Amino acid sequence: CRTRGGWTDTLLDERCATVHKAQGKEADVVILLLGGGRP
């Protein structure tokens, strides 16, 4: 996101975070990143 326009550190802290930090918040669009990860 930092390589794209419009994303500030404040906006990233608020709108790009773990699921735990997102509880109680909402948005029209959510991108859920799962990747692969360890078993």
ModelCIF file with pLDDT and N, C-alpha, C, O atoms, coordinates in Angstrom:
data_MODEL
#
_entry.id   MODEL 
#
_entity.id                         1 
_entity.type                       polymer 
_entity.pdbx_number_of_molecules   1 
#
_entity_poly.entity_id                      1 
_entity_poly.type                           'polypeptide(L)' 
_entity_poly.nstd_linkage                   no 
_entity_poly.nstd_monomer                   no 
_entity_poly.pdbx_seq_one_letter_code       CRTRGGWTDTLLDERCATVHKAQGKEADVVILLLGGGRP 
_entity_poly.pdbx_seq_one_letter_code_can   CRTRGGWTDTLLDERCATVHKAQGKEADVVILLLGGGRP 
_entity_poly.pdbx_strand_id                 A 
#
loop_
_entity_poly_seq.entity_id 
_entity_poly_seq.num 
_entity_poly_seq.mon_id 
_entity_poly_seq.hetero 
1 1  CYS n 
1 2  ARG n 
1 3  THR n 
1 4  ARG n 
1 5  GLY n 
1 6  GLY n 
1 7  TRP n 
1 8  THR n 
1 9  ASP n 
1 10 THR n 
1 11 LEU n 
1 12 LEU n 
1 13 ASP n 
1 14 GLU n 
1 15 ARG n 
1 16 CYS n 
1 17 ALA n 
1 18 THR n 
1 19 VAL n 
1 20 HIS n 
1 21 LYS n 
1 22 ALA n 
1 23 GLN n 
1 24 GLY n 
1 25 LYS n 
1 26 GLU n 
1 27 ALA n 
1 28 ASP n 
1 29 VAL n 
1 30 VAL n 
1 31 ILE n 
1 32 LEU n 
1 33 LEU n 
1 34 LEU n 
1 35 GLY n 
1 36 GLY n 
1 37 GLY n 
1 38 ARG n 
1 39 PRO n 
#
_struct_asym.id          A 
_struct_asym.entity_id   1 
#
loop_
_ma_qa_metric.id 
_ma_qa_metric.mode 
_ma_qa_metric.name 
_ma_qa_metric.software_group_id 
_ma_qa_metric.type 
1 global pLDDT . pLDDT 
2 local  pLDDT . pLDDT 
#
_ma_qa_metric_global.metric_id      1 
_ma_qa_metric_global.metric_value   92.64 
_ma_qa_metric_global.model_id       1 
_ma_qa_metric_global.ordinal_id     1 
#
loop_
_ma_qa_metric_local.label_asym_id 
_ma_qa_metric_local.label_comp_id 
_ma_qa_metric_local.label_seq_id 
_ma_qa_metric_local.metric_id 
_ma_qa_metric_local.metric_value 
_ma_qa_metric_local.model_id 
_ma_qa_metric_local.ordinal_id 
A CYS 1  2 96.00 1 1  
A ARG 2  2 95.00 1 2  
A THR 3  2 93.00 1 3  
A ARG 4  2 92.00 1 4  
A GLY 5  2 86.00 1 5  
A GLY 6  2 90.00 1 6  
A TRP 7  2 94.00 1 7  
A THR 8  2 93.00 1 8  
A ASP 9  2 93.00 1 9  
A THR 10 2 94.00 1 10 
A LEU 11 2 94.00 1 11 
A LEU 12 2 95.00 1 12 
A ASP 13 2 95.00 1 13 
A GLU 14 2 94.00 1 14 
A ARG 15 2 96.00 1 15 
A CYS 16 2 97.00 1 16 
A ALA 17 2 96.00 1 17 
A THR 18 2 95.00 1 18 
A VAL 19 2 94.00 1 19 
A HIS 20 2 91.00 1 20 
A LYS 21 2 91.00 1 21 
A ALA 22 2 92.00 1 22 
A GLN 23 2 87.00 1 23 
A GLY 24 2 86.00 1 24 
A LYS 25 2 92.00 1 25 
A GLU 26 2 94.00 1 26 
A ALA 27 2 96.00 1 27 
A ASP 28 2 96.00 1 28 
A VAL 29 2 97.00 1 29 
A VAL 30 2 98.00 1 30 
A ILE 31 2 98.00 1 31 
A LEU 32 2 98.00 1 32 
A LEU 33 2 97.00 1 33 
A LEU 34 2 96.00 1 34 
A GLY 35 2 91.00 1 35 
A GLY 36 2 87.00 1 36 
A GLY 37 2 76.00 1 37 
A ARG 38 2 83.00 1 38 
A PRO 39 2 85.00 1 39 
#
loop_
_atom_site.group_PDB 
_atom_site.id 
_atom_site.type_symbol 
_atom_site.label_atom_id 
_atom_site.label_alt_id 
_atom_site.label_comp_id 
_atom_site.label_asym_id 
_atom_site.label_entity_id 
_atom_site.label_seq_id 
_atom_site.pdbx_PDB_ins_code 
_atom_site.Cartn_x 
_atom_site.Cartn_y 
_atom_site.Cartn_z 
_atom_site.occupancy 
_atom_site.B_iso_or_equiv 
_atom_site.pdbx_formal_charge 
_atom_site.auth_seq_id 
_atom_site.auth_comp_id 
_atom_site.auth_asym_id 
_atom_site.auth_atom_id 
_atom_site.pdbx_PDB_model_num 
ATOM 1   N N  . CYS A 1 1  ? 0.827   -1.211  0.000  1.00 96.00 ? 1  CYS A N  1 
ATOM 2   C CA . CYS A 1 1  ? 0.000   0.000   0.000  1.00 96.00 ? 1  CYS A CA 1 
ATOM 3   C C  . CYS A 1 1  ? 0.862   1.263   0.000  1.00 96.00 ? 1  CYS A C  1 
ATOM 4   O O  . CYS A 1 1  ? 0.476   2.279   -0.578 1.00 96.00 ? 1  CYS A O  1 
ATOM 5   N N  . ARG A 1 2  ? 2.020   1.201   0.642  1.00 95.00 ? 2  ARG A N  1 
ATOM 6   C CA . ARG A 1 2  ? 2.886   2.387   0.710  1.00 95.00 ? 2  ARG A CA 1 
ATOM 7   C C  . ARG A 1 2  ? 3.422   2.774   -0.672 1.00 95.00 ? 2  ARG A C  1 
ATOM 8   O O  . ARG A 1 2  ? 3.837   3.915   -0.875 1.00 95.00 ? 2  ARG A O  1 
ATOM 9   N N  . THR A 1 3  ? 3.417   1.839   -1.617 1.00 93.00 ? 3  THR A N  1 
ATOM 10  C CA . THR A 1 3  ? 3.873   2.153   -2.971 1.00 93.00 ? 3  THR A CA 1 
ATOM 11  C C  . THR A 1 3  ? 2.774   2.782   -3.806 1.00 93.00 ? 3  THR A C  1 
ATOM 12  O O  . THR A 1 3  ? 3.011   3.163   -4.952 1.00 93.00 ? 3  THR A O  1 
ATOM 13  N N  . ARG A 1 4  ? 1.585   2.895   -3.257 1.00 92.00 ? 4  ARG A N  1 
ATOM 14  C CA . ARG A 1 4  ? 0.441   3.454   -3.966 1.00 92.00 ? 4  ARG A CA 1 
ATOM 15  C C  . ARG A 1 4  ? 0.054   4.794   -3.375 1.00 92.00 ? 4  ARG A C  1 
ATOM 16  O O  . ARG A 1 4  ? 0.368   5.084   -2.221 1.00 92.00 ? 4  ARG A O  1 
ATOM 17  N N  . GLY A 1 5  ? -0.608  5.589   -4.142 1.00 86.00 ? 5  GLY A N  1 
ATOM 18  C CA . GLY A 1 5  ? -1.001  6.907   -3.681 1.00 86.00 ? 5  GLY A CA 1 
ATOM 19  C C  . GLY A 1 5  ? -2.135  6.870   -2.679 1.00 86.00 ? 5  GLY A C  1 
ATOM 20  O O  . GLY A 1 5  ? -2.993  5.988   -2.722 1.00 86.00 ? 5  GLY A O  1 
ATOM 21  N N  . GLY A 1 6  ? -2.130  7.844   -1.769 1.00 90.00 ? 6  GLY A N  1 
ATOM 22  C CA . GLY A 1 6  ? -3.240  8.018   -0.845 1.00 90.00 ? 6  GLY A CA 1 
ATOM 23  C C  . GLY A 1 6  ? -3.075  7.371   0.506  1.00 90.00 ? 6  GLY A C  1 
ATOM 24  O O  . GLY A 1 6  ? -3.759  7.746   1.459  1.00 90.00 ? 6  GLY A O  1 
ATOM 25  N N  . TRP A 1 7  ? -2.167  6.388   0.613  1.00 94.00 ? 7  TRP A N  1 
ATOM 26  C CA . TRP A 1 7  ? -2.012  5.679   1.873  1.00 94.00 ? 7  TRP A CA 1 
ATOM 27  C C  . TRP A 1 7  ? -0.999  6.393   2.760  1.00 94.00 ? 7  TRP A C  1 
ATOM 28  O O  . TRP A 1 7  ? 0.188   6.444   2.439  1.00 94.00 ? 7  TRP A O  1 
ATOM 29  N N  . THR A 1 8  ? -1.465  6.936   3.861  1.00 93.00 ? 8  THR A N  1 
ATOM 30  C CA . THR A 1 8  ? -0.583  7.526   4.864  1.00 93.00 ? 8  THR A CA 1 
ATOM 31  C C  . THR A 1 8  ? -0.383  6.526   6.001  1.00 93.00 ? 8  THR A C  1 
ATOM 32  O O  . THR A 1 8  ? -1.105  5.534   6.102  1.00 93.00 ? 8  THR A O  1 
ATOM 33  N N  . ASP A 1 9  ? 0.603   6.798   6.852  1.00 93.00 ? 9  ASP A N  1 
ATOM 34  C CA . ASP A 1 9  ? 0.836   5.911   7.993  1.00 93.00 ? 9  ASP A CA 1 
ATOM 35  C C  . ASP A 1 9  ? -0.383  5.855   8.901  1.00 93.00 ? 9  ASP A C  1 
ATOM 36  O O  . ASP A 1 9  ? -0.724  4.796   9.429  1.00 93.00 ? 9  ASP A O  1 
ATOM 37  N N  . THR A 1 10 ? -1.035  6.990   9.081  1.00 94.00 ? 10 THR A N  1 
ATOM 38  C CA . THR A 1 10 ? -2.232  7.022   9.928  1.00 94.00 ? 10 THR A CA 1 
ATOM 39  C C  . THR A 1 10 ? -3.344  6.173   9.333  1.00 94.00 ? 10 THR A C  1 
ATOM 40  O O  . THR A 1 10 ? -4.017  5.431   10.048 1.00 94.00 ? 10 THR A O  1 
ATOM 41  N N  . LEU A 1 11 ? -3.534  6.281   8.033  1.00 94.00 ? 11 LEU A N  1 
ATOM 42  C CA . LEU A 1 11 ? -4.577  5.508   7.366  1.00 94.00 ? 11 LEU A CA 1 
ATOM 43  C C  . LEU A 1 11 ? -4.254  4.014   7.402  1.00 94.00 ? 11 LEU A C  1 
ATOM 44  O O  . LEU A 1 11 ? -5.154  3.190   7.567  1.00 94.00 ? 11 LEU A O  1 
ATOM 45  N N  . LEU A 1 12 ? -2.997  3.667   7.252  1.00 95.00 ? 12 LEU A N  1 
ATOM 46  C CA . LEU A 1 12 ? -2.607  2.261   7.315  1.00 95.00 ? 12 LEU A CA 1 
ATOM 47  C C  . LEU A 1 12 ? -2.840  1.691   8.714  1.00 95.00 ? 12 LEU A C  1 
ATOM 48  O O  . LEU A 1 12 ? -3.330  0.570   8.852  1.00 95.00 ? 12 LEU A O  1 
ATOM 49  N N  . ASP A 1 13 ? -2.495  2.447   9.739  1.00 95.00 ? 13 ASP A N  1 
ATOM 50  C CA . ASP A 1 13 ? -2.722  1.978   11.103 1.00 95.00 ? 13 ASP A CA 1 
ATOM 51  C C  . ASP A 1 13 ? -4.202  1.729   11.371 1.00 95.00 ? 13 ASP A C  1 
ATOM 52  O O  . ASP A 1 13 ? -4.571  0.807   12.099 1.00 95.00 ? 13 ASP A O  1 
ATOM 53  N N  . GLU A 1 14 ? -5.040  2.565   10.771 1.00 94.00 ? 14 GLU A N  1 
ATOM 54  C CA . GLU A 1 14 ? -6.473  2.465   11.009 1.00 94.00 ? 14 GLU A CA 1 
ATOM 55  C C  . GLU A 1 14 ? -7.137  1.417   10.136 1.00 94.00 ? 14 GLU A C  1 
ATOM 56  O O  . GLU A 1 14 ? -8.033  0.713   10.601 1.00 94.00 ? 14 GLU A O  1 
ATOM 57  N N  . ARG A 1 15 ? -6.721  1.297   8.883  1.00 96.00 ? 15 ARG A N  1 
ATOM 58  C CA . ARG A 1 15 ? -7.474  0.518   7.905  1.00 96.00 ? 15 ARG A CA 1 
ATOM 59  C C  . ARG A 1 15 ? -6.748  -0.697  7.352  1.00 96.00 ? 15 ARG A C  1 
ATOM 60  O O  . ARG A 1 15 ? -7.264  -1.365  6.457  1.00 96.00 ? 15 ARG A O  1 
ATOM 61  N N  . CYS A 1 16 ? -5.575  -0.993  7.861  1.00 97.00 ? 16 CYS A N  1 
ATOM 62  C CA . CYS A 1 16 ? -4.857  -2.207  7.472  1.00 97.00 ? 16 CYS A CA 1 
ATOM 63  C C  . CYS A 1 16 ? -4.300  -2.823  8.745  1.00 97.00 ? 16 CYS A C  1 
ATOM 64  O O  . CYS A 1 16 ? -3.262  -2.391  9.245  1.00 97.00 ? 16 CYS A O  1 
ATOM 65  N N  . ALA A 1 17 ? -4.986  -3.832  9.271  1.00 96.00 ? 17 ALA A N  1 
ATOM 66  C CA . ALA A 1 17 ? -4.641  -4.335  10.595 1.00 96.00 ? 17 ALA A CA 1 
ATOM 67  C C  . ALA A 1 17 ? -5.099  -5.781  10.735 1.00 96.00 ? 17 ALA A C  1 
ATOM 68  O O  . ALA A 1 17 ? -5.703  -6.346  9.824  1.00 96.00 ? 17 ALA A O  1 
ATOM 69  N N  . THR A 1 18 ? -4.804  -6.364  11.881 1.00 95.00 ? 18 THR A N  1 
ATOM 70  C CA . THR A 1 18 ? -5.247  -7.729  12.156 1.00 95.00 ? 18 THR A CA 1 
ATOM 71  C C  . THR A 1 18 ? -6.752  -7.737  12.425 1.00 95.00 ? 18 THR A C  1 
ATOM 72  O O  . THR A 1 18 ? -7.363  -6.701  12.688 1.00 95.00 ? 18 THR A O  1 
ATOM 73  N N  . VAL A 1 19 ? -7.327  -8.934  12.353 1.00 94.00 ? 19 VAL A N  1 
ATOM 74  C CA . VAL A 1 19 ? -8.760  -9.080  12.611 1.00 94.00 ? 19 VAL A CA 1 
ATOM 75  C C  . VAL A 1 19 ? -9.090  -8.624  14.021 1.00 94.00 ? 19 VAL A C  1 
ATOM 76  O O  . VAL A 1 19 ? -10.142 -8.025  14.245 1.00 94.00 ? 19 VAL A O  1 
ATOM 77  N N  . HIS A 1 20 ? -8.207  -8.898  14.978 1.00 91.00 ? 20 HIS A N  1 
ATOM 78  C CA . HIS A 1 20 ? -8.470  -8.502  16.364 1.00 91.00 ? 20 HIS A CA 1 
ATOM 79  C C  . HIS A 1 20 ? -8.635  -6.987  16.492 1.00 91.00 ? 20 HIS A C  1 
ATOM 80  O O  . HIS A 1 20 ? -9.492  -6.516  17.239 1.00 91.00 ? 20 HIS A O  1 
ATOM 81  N N  . LYS A 1 21 ? -7.813  -6.225  15.760 1.00 91.00 ? 21 LYS A N  1 
ATOM 82  C CA . LYS A 1 21 ? -7.911  -4.768  15.839 1.00 91.00 ? 21 LYS A CA 1 
ATOM 83  C C  . LYS A 1 21 ? -9.109  -4.230  15.066 1.00 91.00 ? 21 LYS A C  1 
ATOM 84  O O  . LYS A 1 21 ? -9.504  -3.081  15.263 1.00 91.00 ? 21 LYS A O  1 
ATOM 85  N N  . ALA A 1 22 ? -9.692  -5.042  14.190 1.00 92.00 ? 22 ALA A N  1 
ATOM 86  C CA . ALA A 1 22 ? -10.816 -4.584  13.372 1.00 92.00 ? 22 ALA A CA 1 
ATOM 87  C C  . ALA A 1 22 ? -12.161 -4.831  14.039 1.00 92.00 ? 22 ALA A C  1 
ATOM 88  O O  . ALA A 1 22 ? -13.182 -4.345  13.550 1.00 92.00 ? 22 ALA A O  1 
ATOM 89  N N  . GLN A 1 23 ? -12.190 -5.574  15.144 1.00 87.00 ? 23 GLN A N  1 
ATOM 90  C CA . GLN A 1 23 ? -13.478 -5.842  15.781 1.00 87.00 ? 23 GLN A CA 1 
ATOM 91  C C  . GLN A 1 23 ? -14.134 -4.544  16.213 1.00 87.00 ? 23 GLN A C  1 
ATOM 92  O O  . GLN A 1 23 ? -13.486 -3.644  16.747 1.00 87.00 ? 23 GLN A O  1 
ATOM 93  N N  . GLY A 1 24 ? -15.438 -4.468  15.969 1.00 86.00 ? 24 GLY A N  1 
ATOM 94  C CA . GLY A 1 24 ? -16.191 -3.266  16.287 1.00 86.00 ? 24 GLY A CA 1 
ATOM 95  C C  . GLY A 1 24 ? -16.176 -2.242  15.177 1.00 86.00 ? 24 GLY A C  1 
ATOM 96  O O  . GLY A 1 24 ? -16.830 -1.204  15.291 1.00 86.00 ? 24 GLY A O  1 
ATOM 97  N N  . LYS A 1 25 ? -15.436 -2.507  14.086 1.00 92.00 ? 25 LYS A N  1 
ATOM 98  C CA . LYS A 1 25 ? -15.360 -1.580  12.958 1.00 92.00 ? 25 LYS A CA 1 
ATOM 99  C C  . LYS A 1 25 ? -15.981 -2.228  11.733 1.00 92.00 ? 25 LYS A C  1 
ATOM 100 O O  . LYS A 1 25 ? -16.298 -3.418  11.743 1.00 92.00 ? 25 LYS A O  1 
ATOM 101 N N  . GLU A 1 26 ? -16.150 -1.452  10.692 1.00 94.00 ? 26 GLU A N  1 
ATOM 102 C CA . GLU A 1 26 ? -16.792 -1.966  9.484  1.00 94.00 ? 26 GLU A CA 1 
ATOM 103 C C  . GLU A 1 26 ? -16.337 -1.150  8.292  1.00 94.00 ? 26 GLU A C  1 
ATOM 104 O O  . GLU A 1 26 ? -15.710 -0.101  8.446  1.00 94.00 ? 26 GLU A O  1 
ATOM 105 N N  . ALA A 1 27 ? -16.656 -1.637  7.101  1.00 96.00 ? 27 ALA A N  1 
ATOM 106 C CA . ALA A 1 27 ? -16.338 -0.920  5.868  1.00 96.00 ? 27 ALA A CA 1 
ATOM 107 C C  . ALA A 1 27 ? -17.194 -1.496  4.754  1.00 96.00 ? 27 ALA A C  1 
ATOM 108 O O  . ALA A 1 27 ? -17.656 -2.634  4.835  1.00 96.00 ? 27 ALA A O  1 
ATOM 109 N N  . ASP A 1 28 ? -17.399 -0.699  3.715  1.00 96.00 ? 28 ASP A N  1 
ATOM 110 C CA . ASP A 1 28 ? -18.142 -1.212  2.570  1.00 96.00 ? 28 ASP A CA 1 
ATOM 111 C C  . ASP A 1 28 ? -17.421 -2.388  1.935  1.00 96.00 ? 28 ASP A C  1 
ATOM 112 O O  . ASP A 1 28 ? -18.052 -3.371  1.546  1.00 96.00 ? 28 ASP A O  1 
ATOM 113 N N  . VAL A 1 29 ? -16.107 -2.292  1.829  1.00 97.00 ? 29 VAL A N  1 
ATOM 114 C CA . VAL A 1 29 ? -15.298 -3.343  1.209  1.00 97.00 ? 29 VAL A CA 1 
ATOM 115 C C  . VAL A 1 29 ? -14.239 -3.813  2.193  1.00 97.00 ? 29 VAL A C  1 
ATOM 116 O O  . VAL A 1 29 ? -13.561 -3.002  2.825  1.00 97.00 ? 29 VAL A O  1 
ATOM 117 N N  . VAL A 1 30 ? -14.101 -5.128  2.319  1.00 98.00 ? 30 VAL A N  1 
ATOM 118 C CA . VAL A 1 30 ? -13.060 -5.721  3.153  1.00 98.00 ? 30 VAL A CA 1 
ATOM 119 C C  . VAL A 1 30 ? -12.262 -6.702  2.308  1.00 98.00 ? 30 VAL A C  1 
ATOM 120 O O  . VAL A 1 30 ? -12.826 -7.548  1.612  1.00 98.00 ? 30 VAL A O  1 
ATOM 121 N N  . ILE A 1 31 ? -10.946 -6.576  2.379  1.00 98.00 ? 31 ILE A N  1 
ATOM 122 C CA . ILE A 1 31 ? -10.040 -7.557  1.775  1.00 98.00 ? 31 ILE A CA 1 
ATOM 123 C C  . ILE A 1 31 ? -9.470  -8.399  2.908  1.00 98.00 ? 31 ILE A C  1 
ATOM 124 O O  . ILE A 1 31 ? -8.753  -7.888  3.770  1.00 98.00 ? 31 ILE A O  1 
ATOM 125 N N  . LEU A 1 32 ? -9.786  -9.678  2.904  1.00 98.00 ? 32 LEU A N  1 
ATOM 126 C CA . LEU A 1 32 ? -9.307  -10.595 3.934  1.00 98.00 ? 32 LEU A CA 1 
ATOM 127 C C  . LEU A 1 32 ? -8.122  -11.383 3.367  1.00 98.00 ? 32 LEU A C  1 
ATOM 128 O O  . LEU A 1 32 ? -8.280  -12.162 2.427  1.00 98.00 ? 32 LEU A O  1 
ATOM 129 N N  . LEU A 1 33 ? -6.948  -11.176 3.940  1.00 97.00 ? 33 LEU A N  1 
ATOM 130 C CA . LEU A 1 33 ? -5.734  -11.834 3.479  1.00 97.00 ? 33 LEU A CA 1 
ATOM 131 C C  . LEU A 1 33 ? -5.490  -13.097 4.307  1.00 97.00 ? 33 LEU A C  1 
ATOM 132 O O  . LEU A 1 33 ? -5.313  -13.025 5.523  1.00 97.00 ? 33 LEU A O  1 
ATOM 133 N N  . LEU A 1 34 ? -5.483  -14.242 3.643  1.00 96.00 ? 34 LEU A N  1 
ATOM 134 C CA . LEU A 1 34 ? -5.216  -15.511 4.304  1.00 96.00 ? 34 LEU A CA 1 
ATOM 135 C C  . LEU A 1 34 ? -3.873  -16.108 3.890  1.00 96.00 ? 34 LEU A C  1 
ATOM 136 O O  . LEU A 1 34 ? -3.185  -16.728 4.701  1.00 96.00 ? 34 LEU A O  1 
ATOM 137 N N  . GLY A 1 35 ? -3.502  -15.914 2.608  1.00 91.00 ? 35 GLY A N  1 
ATOM 138 C CA . GLY A 1 35 ? -2.244  -16.460 2.129  1.00 91.00 ? 35 GLY A CA 1 
ATOM 139 C C  . GLY A 1 35 ? -2.208  -17.967 2.259  1.00 91.00 ? 35 GLY A C  1 
ATOM 140 O O  . GLY A 1 35 ? -3.225  -18.639 2.084  1.00 91.00 ? 35 GLY A O  1 
ATOM 141 N N  . GLY A 1 36 ? -1.020  -18.503 2.570  1.00 87.00 ? 36 GLY A N  1 
ATOM 142 C CA . GLY A 1 36 ? -0.868  -19.933 2.789  1.00 87.00 ? 36 GLY A CA 1 
ATOM 143 C C  . GLY A 1 36 ? -0.708  -20.215 4.270  1.00 87.00 ? 36 GLY A C  1 
ATOM 144 O O  . GLY A 1 36 ? -1.615  -20.727 4.927  1.00 87.00 ? 36 GLY A O  1 
ATOM 145 N N  . GLY A 1 37 ? 0.457   -19.873 4.777  1.00 76.00 ? 37 GLY A N  1 
ATOM 146 C CA . GLY A 1 37 ? 0.669   -19.983 6.219  1.00 76.00 ? 37 GLY A CA 1 
ATOM 147 C C  . GLY A 1 37 ? 1.049   -21.383 6.666  1.00 76.00 ? 37 GLY A C  1 
ATOM 148 O O  . GLY A 1 37 ? 0.863   -22.356 5.936  1.00 76.00 ? 37 GLY A O  1 
ATOM 149 N N  . ARG A 1 38 ? 1.577   -21.467 7.858  1.00 83.00 ? 38 ARG A N  1 
ATOM 150 C CA . ARG A 1 38 ? 1.954   -22.757 8.435  1.00 83.00 ? 38 ARG A CA 1 
ATOM 151 C C  . ARG A 1 38 ? 0.713   -23.493 8.911  1.00 83.00 ? 38 ARG A C  1 
ATOM 152 O O  . ARG A 1 38 ? -0.273  -22.860 9.289  1.00 83.00 ? 38 ARG A O  1 
ATOM 153 N N  . PRO A 1 39 ? 0.745   -24.838 8.898  1.00 85.00 ? 39 PRO A N  1 
ATOM 154 C CA . PRO A 1 39 ? -0.434  -25.602 9.341  1.00 85.00 ? 39 PRO A CA 1 
ATOM 155 C C  . PRO A 1 39 ? -0.901  -25.214 10.740 1.00 85.00 ? 39 PRO A C  1 
ATOM 156 O O  . PRO A 1 39 ? -1.878  -25.770 11.242 1.00 85.00 ? 39 PRO A O  1 
#
